[in-house]
Amino acid sequence: MLIEAKQLVEMTQLSSQILQQLSGTYNNVLNNNLNDTMKILTVLSILLTIPTIISGFFGMNMPLPLEHNIFGWLITILISVVLWFGLSLVLRRLMK
Protein backbone atom coordinates (compact mmCIF):
# COMPACT_ATOMS: atom_id res chain seq x y z
CA MET A 1 0.00 0.00 0.00
CA LEU A 2 2.86 2.41 0.81
CA ILE A 3 4.56 1.70 -2.53
CA GLU A 4 1.35 2.49 -4.41
CA ALA A 5 0.98 5.77 -2.52
CA LYS A 6 4.57 6.77 -3.40
CA GLN A 7 3.94 5.89 -7.04
CA LEU A 8 0.77 7.98 -6.98
CA VAL A 9 2.65 10.97 -5.53
CA GLU A 10 5.39 10.64 -8.19
CA MET A 11 2.84 10.39 -11.00
CA THR A 12 1.00 13.42 -9.63
CA GLN A 13 4.23 15.43 -9.51
CA LEU A 14 5.11 14.34 -13.05
CA SER A 15 1.65 15.34 -14.29
CA SER A 16 2.00 18.69 -12.53
CA GLN A 17 5.37 19.33 -14.20
CA ILE A 18 3.95 18.43 -17.61
CA LEU A 19 1.03 20.81 -17.10
CA GLN A 20 3.39 23.62 -16.05
CA GLN A 21 5.53 23.10 -19.16
CA LEU A 22 2.43 22.99 -21.35
CA SER A 23 1.14 26.20 -19.78
CA GLY A 24 4.51 27.89 -20.33
CA THR A 25 4.57 26.81 -23.97
CA TYR A 26 1.03 28.11 -24.51
CA ASN A 27 1.95 31.45 -22.94
CA ASN A 28 4.98 31.71 -25.25
CA VAL A 29 2.78 31.13 -28.29
CA LEU A 30 0.33 33.79 -27.10
CA ASN A 31 3.19 36.25 -26.51
CA ASN A 32 4.55 35.64 -30.02
CA ASN A 33 1.11 36.29 -31.51
CA LEU A 34 0.80 39.48 -29.48
CA ASN A 35 4.25 40.60 -30.66
CA ASP A 36 3.24 40.07 -34.30
CA THR A 37 0.03 42.04 -33.76
CA MET A 38 1.90 44.90 -32.09
CA LYS A 39 4.42 44.98 -34.94
CA ILE A 40 1.64 45.30 -37.51
CA LEU A 41 -0.14 48.02 -35.51
CA THR A 42 3.13 49.95 -35.12
CA VAL A 43 3.78 49.86 -38.86
CA LEU A 44 0.23 51.01 -39.60
CA SER A 45 0.51 53.89 -37.15
CA ILE A 46 3.81 54.99 -38.72
CA LEU A 47 2.29 54.84 -42.20
CA LEU A 48 -0.75 56.87 -41.12
CA THR A 49 1.47 59.54 -39.59
CA ILE A 50 2.84 60.78 -42.93
CA PRO A 51 -0.43 62.07 -44.43
CA THR A 52 -1.39 63.51 -41.04
CA ILE A 53 1.82 65.54 -40.78
CA ILE A 54 1.62 66.84 -44.35
CA SER A 55 -2.06 67.81 -44.09
CA GLY A 56 -1.33 69.38 -40.70
CA PHE A 57 1.17 71.75 -42.29
CA PHE A 58 -1.45 72.90 -44.78
CA GLY A 59 -3.97 73.49 -42.00
CA MET A 60 -1.84 76.28 -40.51
CA ASN A 61 -2.63 79.94 -41.17
CA MET A 62 0.71 80.98 -42.63
CA PRO A 63 2.30 81.26 -46.07
CA LEU A 64 2.98 77.82 -47.48
CA PRO A 65 4.95 76.49 -50.42
CA LEU A 66 2.85 75.95 -53.56
CA GLU A 67 0.11 78.15 -52.08
CA HIS A 68 -0.35 80.21 -55.24
CA ASN A 69 0.12 77.30 -57.63
CA ILE A 70 -3.06 75.97 -59.25
CA PHE A 71 -1.87 72.38 -58.83
CA GLY A 72 -0.34 72.95 -55.38
CA TRP A 73 -2.78 70.73 -53.52
CA LEU A 74 -2.45 67.97 -56.13
CA ILE A 75 1.35 68.15 -55.93
CA THR A 76 1.15 67.94 -52.14
CA ILE A 77 -1.08 64.87 -52.31
CA LEU A 78 1.25 63.29 -54.86
CA ILE A 79 4.28 63.91 -52.62
CA SER A 80 2.39 62.44 -49.67
CA VAL A 81 1.44 59.30 -51.63
CA VAL A 82 5.00 58.84 -52.90
CA LEU A 83 6.40 59.20 -49.38
CA TRP A 84 3.78 56.77 -48.07
CA PHE A 85 4.61 54.12 -50.67
CA GLY A 86 8.34 54.62 -50.14
CA LEU A 87 8.04 54.18 -46.40
CA SER A 88 5.75 51.17 -46.81
CA LEU A 89 8.37 49.49 -49.02
CA VAL A 90 11.11 50.22 -46.49
CA LEU A 91 9.02 48.89 -43.60
CA ARG A 92 8.01 45.81 -45.59
CA ARG A 93 11.69 45.00 -46.19
CA LEU A 94 12.50 45.54 -42.52
CA MET A 95 9.68 43.26 -41.38
CA LYS A 96 10.96 40.28 -43.38
PDB file of N, CA and C in Angstrom:
ATOM      1  N   MET A   1       0.810  -1.185   0.000  1.00  0.00           N
ATOM      2  CA  MET A   1       0.000   0.000   0.000  1.00  0.00           C
ATOM      3  C   MET A   1       0.861   1.260   0.000  1.00  0.00           C
ATOM      4  N   LEU A   2       1.956   1.258   0.735  1.00  0.00           N
ATOM      5  CA  LEU A   2       2.855   2.410   0.807  1.00  0.00           C
ATOM      6  C   LEU A   2       3.536   2.653  -0.534  1.00  0.00           C
ATOM      7  N   ILE A   3       3.900   1.575  -1.220  1.00  0.00           N
ATOM      8  CA  ILE A   3       4.558   1.704  -2.527  1.00  0.00           C
ATOM      9  C   ILE A   3       3.592   2.334  -3.529  1.00  0.00           C
ATOM     10  N   GLU A   4       2.343   1.924  -3.494  1.00  0.00           N
ATOM     11  CA  GLU A   4       1.355   2.489  -4.410  1.00  0.00           C
ATOM     12  C   GLU A   4       1.128   3.973  -4.130  1.00  0.00           C
ATOM     13  N   ALA A   5       1.148   4.361  -2.880  1.00  0.00           N
ATOM     14  CA  ALA A   5       0.984   5.772  -2.521  1.00  0.00           C
ATOM     15  C   ALA A   5       2.163   6.593  -3.022  1.00  0.00           C
ATOM     16  N   LYS A   6       3.382   6.062  -2.899  1.00  0.00           N
ATOM     17  CA  LYS A   6       4.571   6.771  -3.403  1.00  0.00           C
ATOM     18  C   LYS A   6       4.505   6.907  -4.922  1.00  0.00           C
ATOM     19  N   GLN A   7       4.068   5.830  -5.588  1.00  0.00           N
ATOM     20  CA  GLN A   7       3.944   5.893  -7.045  1.00  0.00           C
ATOM     21  C   GLN A   7       2.896   6.934  -7.447  1.00  0.00           C
ATOM     22  N   LEU A   8       1.816   6.996  -6.701  1.00  0.00           N
ATOM     23  CA  LEU A   8       0.769   7.975  -6.979  1.00  0.00           C
ATOM     24  C   LEU A   8       1.281   9.401  -6.806  1.00  0.00           C
ATOM     25  N   VAL A   9       2.074   9.640  -5.762  1.00  0.00           N
ATOM     26  CA  VAL A   9       2.655  10.966  -5.533  1.00  0.00           C
ATOM     27  C   VAL A   9       3.610  11.324  -6.667  1.00  0.00           C
ATOM     28  N   GLU A  10       4.445  10.380  -7.095  1.00  0.00           N
ATOM     29  CA  GLU A  10       5.392  10.640  -8.190  1.00  0.00           C
ATOM     30  C   GLU A  10       4.651  10.927  -9.492  1.00  0.00           C
ATOM     31  N   MET A  11       3.602  10.155  -9.772  1.00  0.00           N
ATOM     32  CA  MET A  11       2.835  10.388 -10.999  1.00  0.00           C
ATOM     33  C   MET A  11       2.127  11.742 -10.953  1.00  0.00           C
ATOM     34  N   THR A  12       1.654  12.124  -9.784  1.00  0.00           N
ATOM     35  CA  THR A  12       1.005  13.422  -9.632  1.00  0.00           C
ATOM     36  C   THR A  12       2.001  14.556  -9.854  1.00  0.00           C
ATOM     37  N   GLN A  13       3.194  14.411  -9.306  1.00  0.00           N
ATOM     38  CA  GLN A  13       4.232  15.430  -9.508  1.00  0.00           C
ATOM     39  C   GLN A  13       4.634  15.507 -10.972  1.00  0.00           C
ATOM     40  N   LEU A  14       4.754  14.360 -11.630  1.00  0.00           N
ATOM     41  CA  LEU A  14       5.106  14.336 -13.046  1.00  0.00           C
ATOM     42  C   LEU A  14       4.016  15.011 -13.880  1.00  0.00           C
ATOM     43  N   SER A  15       2.763  14.707 -13.571  1.00  0.00           N
ATOM     44  CA  SER A  15       1.651  15.341 -14.292  1.00  0.00           C
ATOM     45  C   SER A  15       1.638  16.847 -14.053  1.00  0.00           C
ATOM     46  N   SER A  16       1.950  17.265 -12.846  1.00  0.00           N
ATOM     47  CA  SER A  16       2.005  18.688 -12.528  1.00  0.00           C
ATOM     48  C   SER A  16       3.110  19.385 -13.322  1.00  0.00           C
ATOM     49  N   GLN A  17       4.269  18.753 -13.425  1.00  0.00           N
ATOM     50  CA  GLN A  17       5.373  19.334 -14.202  1.00  0.00           C
ATOM     51  C   GLN A  17       5.008  19.436 -15.676  1.00  0.00           C
ATOM     52  N   ILE A  18       4.359  18.412 -16.203  1.00  0.00           N
ATOM     53  CA  ILE A  18       3.954  18.429 -17.611  1.00  0.00           C
ATOM     54  C   ILE A  18       2.954  19.556 -17.855  1.00  0.00           C
ATOM     55  N   LEU A  19       2.005  19.729 -16.960  1.00  0.00           N
ATOM     56  CA  LEU A  19       1.029  20.813 -17.103  1.00  0.00           C
ATOM     57  C   LEU A  19       1.689  22.188 -17.021  1.00  0.00           C
ATOM     58  N   GLN A  20       2.677  22.345 -16.152  1.00  0.00           N
ATOM     59  CA  GLN A  20       3.390  23.621 -16.051  1.00  0.00           C
ATOM     60  C   GLN A  20       4.149  23.917 -17.335  1.00  0.00           C
ATOM     61  N   GLN A  21       4.800  22.901 -17.904  1.00  0.00           N
ATOM     62  CA  GLN A  21       5.526  23.098 -19.157  1.00  0.00           C
ATOM     63  C   GLN A  21       4.566  23.421 -20.292  1.00  0.00           C
ATOM     64  N   LEU A  22       3.436  22.740 -20.322  1.00  0.00           N
ATOM     65  CA  LEU A  22       2.434  22.993 -21.353  1.00  0.00           C
ATOM     66  C   LEU A  22       1.868  24.405 -21.230  1.00  0.00           C
ATOM     67  N   SER A  23       1.632  24.838 -20.020  1.00  0.00           N
ATOM     68  CA  SER A  23       1.143  26.196 -19.783  1.00  0.00           C
ATOM     69  C   SER A  23       2.180  27.232 -20.212  1.00  0.00           C
ATOM     70  N   GLY A  24       3.437  26.982 -19.909  1.00  0.00           N
ATOM     71  CA  GLY A  24       4.507  27.891 -20.327  1.00  0.00           C
ATOM     72  C   GLY A  24       4.624  27.971 -21.837  1.00  0.00           C
ATOM     73  N   THR A  25       4.503  26.834 -22.510  1.00  0.00           N
ATOM     74  CA  THR A  25       4.566  26.813 -23.970  1.00  0.00           C
ATOM     75  C   THR A  25       3.398  27.586 -24.573  1.00  0.00           C
ATOM     76  N   TYR A  26       2.219  27.395 -24.024  1.00  0.00           N
ATOM     77  CA  TYR A  26       1.034  28.105 -24.513  1.00  0.00           C
ATOM     78  C   TYR A  26       1.188  29.612 -24.316  1.00  0.00           C
ATOM     79  N   ASN A  27       1.719  30.020 -23.183  1.00  0.00           N
ATOM     80  CA  ASN A  27       1.954  31.449 -22.937  1.00  0.00           C
ATOM     81  C   ASN A  27       2.968  32.017 -23.916  1.00  0.00           C
ATOM     82  N   ASN A  28       3.993  31.245 -24.262  1.00  0.00           N
ATOM     83  CA  ASN A  28       4.978  31.709 -25.246  1.00  0.00           C
ATOM     84  C   ASN A  28       4.339  31.909 -26.614  1.00  0.00           C
ATOM     85  N   VAL A  29       3.468  30.989 -27.006  1.00  0.00           N
ATOM     86  CA  VAL A  29       2.777  31.127 -28.293  1.00  0.00           C
ATOM     87  C   VAL A  29       1.892  32.372 -28.290  1.00  0.00           C
ATOM     88  N   LEU A  30       1.171  32.593 -27.194  1.00  0.00           N
ATOM     89  CA  LEU A  30       0.331  33.792 -27.100  1.00  0.00           C
ATOM     90  C   LEU A  30       1.167  35.066 -27.151  1.00  0.00           C
ATOM     91  N   ASN A  31       2.313  35.078 -26.489  1.00  0.00           N
ATOM     92  CA  ASN A  31       3.187  36.254 -26.514  1.00  0.00           C
ATOM     93  C   ASN A  31       3.728  36.513 -27.909  1.00  0.00           C
ATOM     94  N   ASN A  32       4.074  35.460 -28.642  1.00  0.00           N
ATOM     95  CA  ASN A  32       4.548  35.644 -30.015  1.00  0.00           C
ATOM     96  C   ASN A  32       3.450  36.217 -30.899  1.00  0.00           C
ATOM     97  N   ASN A  33       2.227  35.737 -30.734  1.00  0.00           N
ATOM     98  CA  ASN A  33       1.108  36.286 -31.512  1.00  0.00           C
ATOM     99  C   ASN A  33       0.873  37.752 -31.169  1.00  0.00           C
ATOM    100  N   LEU A  34       0.972  38.086 -29.900  1.00  0.00           N
ATOM    101  CA  LEU A  34       0.803  39.479 -29.485  1.00  0.00           C
ATOM    102  C   LEU A  34       1.914  40.355 -30.060  1.00  0.00           C
ATOM    103  N   ASN A  35       3.144  39.845 -30.088  1.00  0.00           N
ATOM    104  CA  ASN A  35       4.255  40.603 -30.665  1.00  0.00           C
ATOM    105  C   ASN A  35       4.026  40.867 -32.145  1.00  0.00           C
ATOM    106  N   ASP A  36       3.528  39.867 -32.873  1.00  0.00           N
ATOM    107  CA  ASP A  36       3.242  40.067 -34.296  1.00  0.00           C
ATOM    108  C   ASP A  36       2.148  41.112 -34.490  1.00  0.00           C
ATOM    109  N   THR A  37       1.121  41.062 -33.668  1.00  0.00           N
ATOM    110  CA  THR A  37       0.034  42.037 -33.764  1.00  0.00           C
ATOM    111  C   THR A  37       0.540  43.444 -33.467  1.00  0.00           C
ATOM    112  N   MET A  38       1.358  43.580 -32.444  1.00  0.00           N
ATOM    113  CA  MET A  38       1.897  44.899 -32.090  1.00  0.00           C
ATOM    114  C   MET A  38       2.810  45.434 -33.191  1.00  0.00           C
ATOM    115  N   LYS A  39       3.555  44.554 -33.842  1.00  0.00           N
ATOM    116  CA  LYS A  39       4.421  44.985 -34.941  1.00  0.00           C
ATOM    117  C   LYS A  39       3.584  45.537 -36.089  1.00  0.00           C
ATOM    118  N   ILE A  40       2.506  44.849 -36.429  1.00  0.00           N
ATOM    119  CA  ILE A  40       1.637  45.305 -37.513  1.00  0.00           C
ATOM    120  C   ILE A  40       0.977  46.636 -37.154  1.00  0.00           C
ATOM    121  N   LEU A  41       0.496  46.764 -35.930  1.00  0.00           N
ATOM    122  CA  LEU A  41      -0.136  48.016 -35.515  1.00  0.00           C
ATOM    123  C   LEU A  41       0.855  49.178 -35.494  1.00  0.00           C
ATOM    124  N   THR A  42       2.100  48.907 -35.114  1.00  0.00           N
ATOM    125  CA  THR A  42       3.125  49.953 -35.119  1.00  0.00           C
ATOM    126  C   THR A  42       3.411  50.425 -36.534  1.00  0.00           C
ATOM    127  N   VAL A  43       3.526  49.489 -37.463  1.00  0.00           N
ATOM    128  CA  VAL A  43       3.780  49.855 -38.862  1.00  0.00           C
ATOM    129  C   VAL A  43       2.614  50.672 -39.411  1.00  0.00           C
ATOM    130  N   LEU A  44       1.390  50.258 -39.114  1.00  0.00           N
ATOM    131  CA  LEU A  44       0.233  51.015 -39.599  1.00  0.00           C
ATOM    132  C   LEU A  44       0.189  52.421 -39.015  1.00  0.00           C
ATOM    133  N   SER A  45       0.524  52.552 -37.749  1.00  0.00           N
ATOM    134  CA  SER A  45       0.506  53.894 -37.151  1.00  0.00           C
ATOM    135  C   SER A  45       1.591  54.781 -37.754  1.00  0.00           C
ATOM    136  N   ILE A  46       2.745  54.208 -38.068  1.00  0.00           N
ATOM    137  CA  ILE A  46       3.808  54.990 -38.718  1.00  0.00           C
ATOM    138  C   ILE A  46       3.360  55.425 -40.106  1.00  0.00           C
ATOM    139  N   LEU A  47       2.736  54.503 -40.850  1.00  0.00           N
ATOM    140  CA  LEU A  47       2.288  54.844 -42.200  1.00  0.00           C
ATOM    141  C   LEU A  47       1.179  55.897 -42.186  1.00  0.00           C
ATOM    142  N   LEU A  48       0.327  55.879 -41.195  1.00  0.00           N
ATOM    143  CA  LEU A  48      -0.749  56.870 -41.124  1.00  0.00           C
ATOM    144  C   LEU A  48      -0.267  58.223 -40.622  1.00  0.00           C
ATOM    145  N   THR A  49       0.932  58.278 -40.090  1.00  0.00           N
ATOM    146  CA  THR A  49       1.469  59.536 -39.586  1.00  0.00           C
ATOM    147  C   THR A  49       1.870  60.478 -40.722  1.00  0.00           C
ATOM    148  N   ILE A  50       2.352  59.936 -41.827  1.00  0.00           N
ATOM    149  CA  ILE A  50       2.845  60.778 -42.930  1.00  0.00           C
ATOM    150  C   ILE A  50       1.750  61.689 -43.487  1.00  0.00           C
ATOM    151  N   PRO A  51       0.600  61.151 -43.916  1.00  0.00           N
ATOM    152  CA  PRO A  51      -0.429  62.072 -44.428  1.00  0.00           C
ATOM    153  C   PRO A  51      -0.927  63.052 -43.364  1.00  0.00           C
ATOM    154  N   THR A  52      -0.936  62.629 -42.116  1.00  0.00           N
ATOM    155  CA  THR A  52      -1.385  63.513 -41.043  1.00  0.00           C
ATOM    156  C   THR A  52      -0.450  64.701 -40.885  1.00  0.00           C
ATOM    157  N   ILE A  53       0.842  64.453 -40.929  1.00  0.00           N
ATOM    158  CA  ILE A  53       1.818  65.539 -40.785  1.00  0.00           C
ATOM    159  C   ILE A  53       1.724  66.505 -41.962  1.00  0.00           C
ATOM    160  N   ILE A  54       1.655  65.967 -43.169  1.00  0.00           N
ATOM    161  CA  ILE A  54       1.616  66.837 -44.351  1.00  0.00           C
ATOM    162  C   ILE A  54       0.328  67.653 -44.382  1.00  0.00           C
ATOM    163  N   SER A  55      -0.808  67.036 -44.095  1.00  0.00           N
ATOM    164  CA  SER A  55      -2.057  67.811 -44.091  1.00  0.00           C
ATOM    165  C   SER A  55      -2.098  68.779 -42.911  1.00  0.00           C
ATOM    166  N   GLY A  56      -1.400  68.465 -41.833  1.00  0.00           N
ATOM    167  CA  GLY A  56      -1.327  69.380 -40.696  1.00  0.00           C
ATOM    168  C   GLY A  56      -0.593  70.658 -41.045  1.00  0.00           C
ATOM    169  N   PHE A  57       0.449  70.555 -41.866  1.00  0.00           N
ATOM    170  CA  PHE A  57       1.166  71.754 -42.292  1.00  0.00           C
ATOM    171  C   PHE A  57       0.262  72.662 -43.113  1.00  0.00           C
ATOM    172  N   PHE A  58      -0.584  72.085 -43.942  1.00  0.00           N
ATOM    173  CA  PHE A  58      -1.452  72.901 -44.781  1.00  0.00           C
ATOM    174  C   PHE A  58      -2.681  73.393 -44.033  1.00  0.00           C
ATOM    175  N   GLY A  59      -2.876  72.979 -42.812  1.00  0.00           N
ATOM    176  CA  GLY A  59      -3.968  73.489 -42.003  1.00  0.00           C
ATOM    177  C   GLY A  59      -3.579  74.715 -41.208  1.00  0.00           C
ATOM    178  N   MET A  60      -2.314  75.117 -41.273  1.00  0.00           N
ATOM    179  CA  MET A  60      -1.840  76.277 -40.514  1.00  0.00           C
ATOM    180  C   MET A  60      -2.134  77.563 -41.285  1.00  0.00           C
ATOM    181  N   ASN A  61      -2.355  78.635 -40.558  1.00  0.00           N
ATOM    182  CA  ASN A  61      -2.628  79.937 -41.172  1.00  0.00           C
ATOM    183  C   ASN A  61      -1.326  80.707 -41.336  1.00  0.00           C
ATOM    184  N   MET A  62      -0.556  80.317 -42.331  1.00  0.00           N
ATOM    185  CA  MET A  62       0.711  80.978 -42.630  1.00  0.00           C
ATOM    186  C   MET A  62       1.034  80.715 -44.089  1.00  0.00           C
ATOM    187  N   PRO A  63       1.936  81.492 -44.664  1.00  0.00           N
ATOM    188  CA  PRO A  63       2.296  81.258 -46.066  1.00  0.00           C
ATOM    189  C   PRO A  63       2.938  79.879 -46.233  1.00  0.00           C
ATOM    190  N   LEU A  64       2.496  79.178 -47.255  1.00  0.00           N
ATOM    191  CA  LEU A  64       2.975  77.817 -47.483  1.00  0.00           C
ATOM    192  C   LEU A  64       3.555  77.692 -48.880  1.00  0.00           C
ATOM    193  N   PRO A  65       4.449  76.728 -49.071  1.00  0.00           N
ATOM    194  CA  PRO A  65       4.948  76.492 -50.425  1.00  0.00           C
ATOM    195  C   PRO A  65       3.809  75.976 -51.312  1.00  0.00           C
ATOM    196  N   LEU A  66       3.849  76.329 -52.555  1.00  0.00           N
ATOM    197  CA  LEU A  66       2.850  75.945 -53.556  1.00  0.00           C
ATOM    198  C   LEU A  66       1.463  76.515 -53.258  1.00  0.00           C
ATOM    199  N   GLU A  67       1.403  77.563 -52.457  1.00  0.00           N
ATOM    200  CA  GLU A  67       0.112  78.145 -52.079  1.00  0.00           C
ATOM    201  C   GLU A  67      -0.566  78.831 -53.267  1.00  0.00           C
ATOM    202  N   HIS A  68       0.217  79.464 -54.112  1.00  0.00           N
ATOM    203  CA  HIS A  68      -0.351  80.206 -55.236  1.00  0.00           C
ATOM    204  C   HIS A  68      -0.323  79.401 -56.529  1.00  0.00           C
ATOM    205  N   ASN A  69       0.108  78.175 -56.461  1.00  0.00           N
ATOM    206  CA  ASN A  69       0.122  77.300 -57.630  1.00  0.00           C
ATOM    207  C   ASN A  69      -1.251  76.645 -57.765  1.00  0.00           C
ATOM    208  N   ILE A  70      -1.745  76.573 -59.010  1.00  0.00           N
ATOM    209  CA  ILE A  70      -3.059  75.967 -59.250  1.00  0.00           C
ATOM    210  C   ILE A  70      -3.055  74.492 -58.848  1.00  0.00           C
ATOM    211  N   PHE A  71      -1.965  73.810 -59.126  1.00  0.00           N
ATOM    212  CA  PHE A  71      -1.870  72.381 -58.827  1.00  0.00           C
ATOM    213  C   PHE A  71      -1.147  72.111 -57.505  1.00  0.00           C
ATOM    214  N   GLY A  72      -1.071  73.093 -56.642  1.00  0.00           N
ATOM    215  CA  GLY A  72      -0.339  72.947 -55.385  1.00  0.00           C
ATOM    216  C   GLY A  72      -0.874  71.825 -54.503  1.00  0.00           C
ATOM    217  N   TRP A  73      -2.198  71.767 -54.370  1.00  0.00           N
ATOM    218  CA  TRP A  73      -2.783  70.729 -53.516  1.00  0.00           C
ATOM    219  C   TRP A  73      -2.563  69.343 -54.123  1.00  0.00           C
ATOM    220  N   LEU A  74      -2.673  69.242 -55.453  1.00  0.00           N
ATOM    221  CA  LEU A  74      -2.449  67.966 -56.128  1.00  0.00           C
ATOM    222  C   LEU A  74      -0.994  67.528 -55.981  1.00  0.00           C
ATOM    223  N   ILE A  75      -0.071  68.472 -56.105  1.00  0.00           N
ATOM    224  CA  ILE A  75       1.351  68.154 -55.925  1.00  0.00           C
ATOM    225  C   ILE A  75       1.611  67.685 -54.498  1.00  0.00           C
ATOM    226  N   THR A  76       0.984  68.334 -53.545  1.00  0.00           N
ATOM    227  CA  THR A  76       1.148  67.942 -52.141  1.00  0.00           C
ATOM    228  C   THR A  76       0.622  66.531 -51.898  1.00  0.00           C
ATOM    229  N   ILE A  77      -0.531  66.219 -52.456  1.00  0.00           N
ATOM    230  CA  ILE A  77      -1.084  64.868 -52.310  1.00  0.00           C
ATOM    231  C   ILE A  77      -0.176  63.851 -52.983  1.00  0.00           C
ATOM    232  N   LEU A  78       0.348  64.194 -54.148  1.00  0.00           N
ATOM    233  CA  LEU A  78       1.252  63.289 -54.858  1.00  0.00           C
ATOM    234  C   LEU A  78       2.521  63.037 -54.047  1.00  0.00           C
ATOM    235  N   ILE A  79       3.085  64.074 -53.465  1.00  0.00           N
ATOM    236  CA  ILE A  79       4.277  63.915 -52.620  1.00  0.00           C
ATOM    237  C   ILE A  79       3.954  63.034 -51.414  1.00  0.00           C
ATOM    238  N   SER A  80       2.798  63.243 -50.828  1.00  0.00           N
ATOM    239  CA  SER A  80       2.386  62.437 -49.673  1.00  0.00           C
ATOM    240  C   SER A  80       2.235  60.966 -50.048  1.00  0.00           C
ATOM    241  N   VAL A  81       1.628  60.695 -51.185  1.00  0.00           N
ATOM    242  CA  VAL A  81       1.442  59.305 -51.626  1.00  0.00           C
ATOM    243  C   VAL A  81       2.784  58.653 -51.939  1.00  0.00           C
ATOM    244  N   VAL A  82       3.675  59.389 -52.594  1.00  0.00           N
ATOM    245  CA  VAL A  82       5.001  58.841 -52.902  1.00  0.00           C
ATOM    246  C   VAL A  82       5.769  58.537 -51.623  1.00  0.00           C
ATOM    247  N   LEU A  83       5.734  59.451 -50.662  1.00  0.00           N
ATOM    248  CA  LEU A  83       6.396  59.196 -49.377  1.00  0.00           C
ATOM    249  C   LEU A  83       5.782  58.000 -48.666  1.00  0.00           C
ATOM    250  N   TRP A  84       4.462  57.881 -48.727  1.00  0.00           N
ATOM    251  CA  TRP A  84       3.778  56.773 -48.071  1.00  0.00           C
ATOM    252  C   TRP A  84       4.189  55.439 -48.680  1.00  0.00           C
ATOM    253  N   PHE A  85       4.202  55.362 -50.026  1.00  0.00           N
ATOM    254  CA  PHE A  85       4.608  54.117 -50.674  1.00  0.00           C
ATOM    255  C   PHE A  85       6.080  53.809 -50.420  1.00  0.00           C
ATOM    256  N   GLY A  86       6.922  54.837 -50.435  1.00  0.00           N
ATOM    257  CA  GLY A  86       8.343  54.616 -50.142  1.00  0.00           C
ATOM    258  C   GLY A  86       8.557  54.069 -48.743  1.00  0.00           C
ATOM    259  N   LEU A  87       7.897  54.666 -47.770  1.00  0.00           N
ATOM    260  CA  LEU A  87       8.035  54.182 -46.395  1.00  0.00           C
ATOM    261  C   LEU A  87       7.439  52.792 -46.233  1.00  0.00           C
ATOM    262  N   SER A  88       6.338  52.512 -46.922  1.00  0.00           N
ATOM    263  CA  SER A  88       5.751  51.173 -46.813  1.00  0.00           C
ATOM    264  C   SER A  88       6.680  50.119 -47.396  1.00  0.00           C
ATOM    265  N   LEU A  89       7.392  50.442 -48.471  1.00  0.00           N
ATOM    266  CA  LEU A  89       8.368  49.492 -49.021  1.00  0.00           C
ATOM    267  C   LEU A  89       9.525  49.266 -48.057  1.00  0.00           C
ATOM    268  N   VAL A  90      10.011  50.345 -47.458  1.00  0.00           N
ATOM    269  CA  VAL A  90      11.111  50.217 -46.492  1.00  0.00           C
ATOM    270  C   VAL A  90      10.679  49.379 -45.294  1.00  0.00           C
ATOM    271  N   LEU A  91       9.503  49.652 -44.763  1.00  0.00           N
ATOM    272  CA  LEU A  91       9.024  48.893 -43.601  1.00  0.00           C
ATOM    273  C   LEU A  91       8.733  47.441 -43.955  1.00  0.00           C
ATOM    274  N   ARG A  92       8.266  47.196 -45.165  1.00  0.00           N
ATOM    275  CA  ARG A  92       8.011  45.815 -45.586  1.00  0.00           C
ATOM    276  C   ARG A  92       9.316  45.031 -45.660  1.00  0.00           C
ATOM    277  N   ARG A  93      10.378  45.679 -46.143  1.00  0.00           N
ATOM    278  CA  ARG A  93      11.691  45.004 -46.190  1.00  0.00           C
ATOM    279  C   ARG A  93      12.241  44.768 -44.794  1.00  0.00           C
ATOM    280  N   LEU A  94      12.007  45.703 -43.890  1.00  0.00           N
ATOM    281  CA  LEU A  94      12.497  45.540 -42.519  1.00  0.00           C
ATOM    282  C   LEU A  94      11.738  44.463 -41.756  1.00  0.00           C
ATOM    283  N   MET A  95      10.472  44.255 -42.094  1.00  0.00           N
ATOM    284  CA  MET A  95       9.676  43.258 -41.380  1.00  0.00           C
ATOM    285  C   MET A  95      10.026  41.834 -41.782  1.00  0.00           C
ATOM    286  N   LYS A  96      10.621  41.649 -42.931  1.00  0.00           N
ATOM    287  CA  LYS A  96      10.959  40.283 -43.377  1.00  0.00           C
ATOM    288  C   LYS A  96      12.197  39.770 -42.723  1.00  0.00           C
TER     289      LYS A  96
END
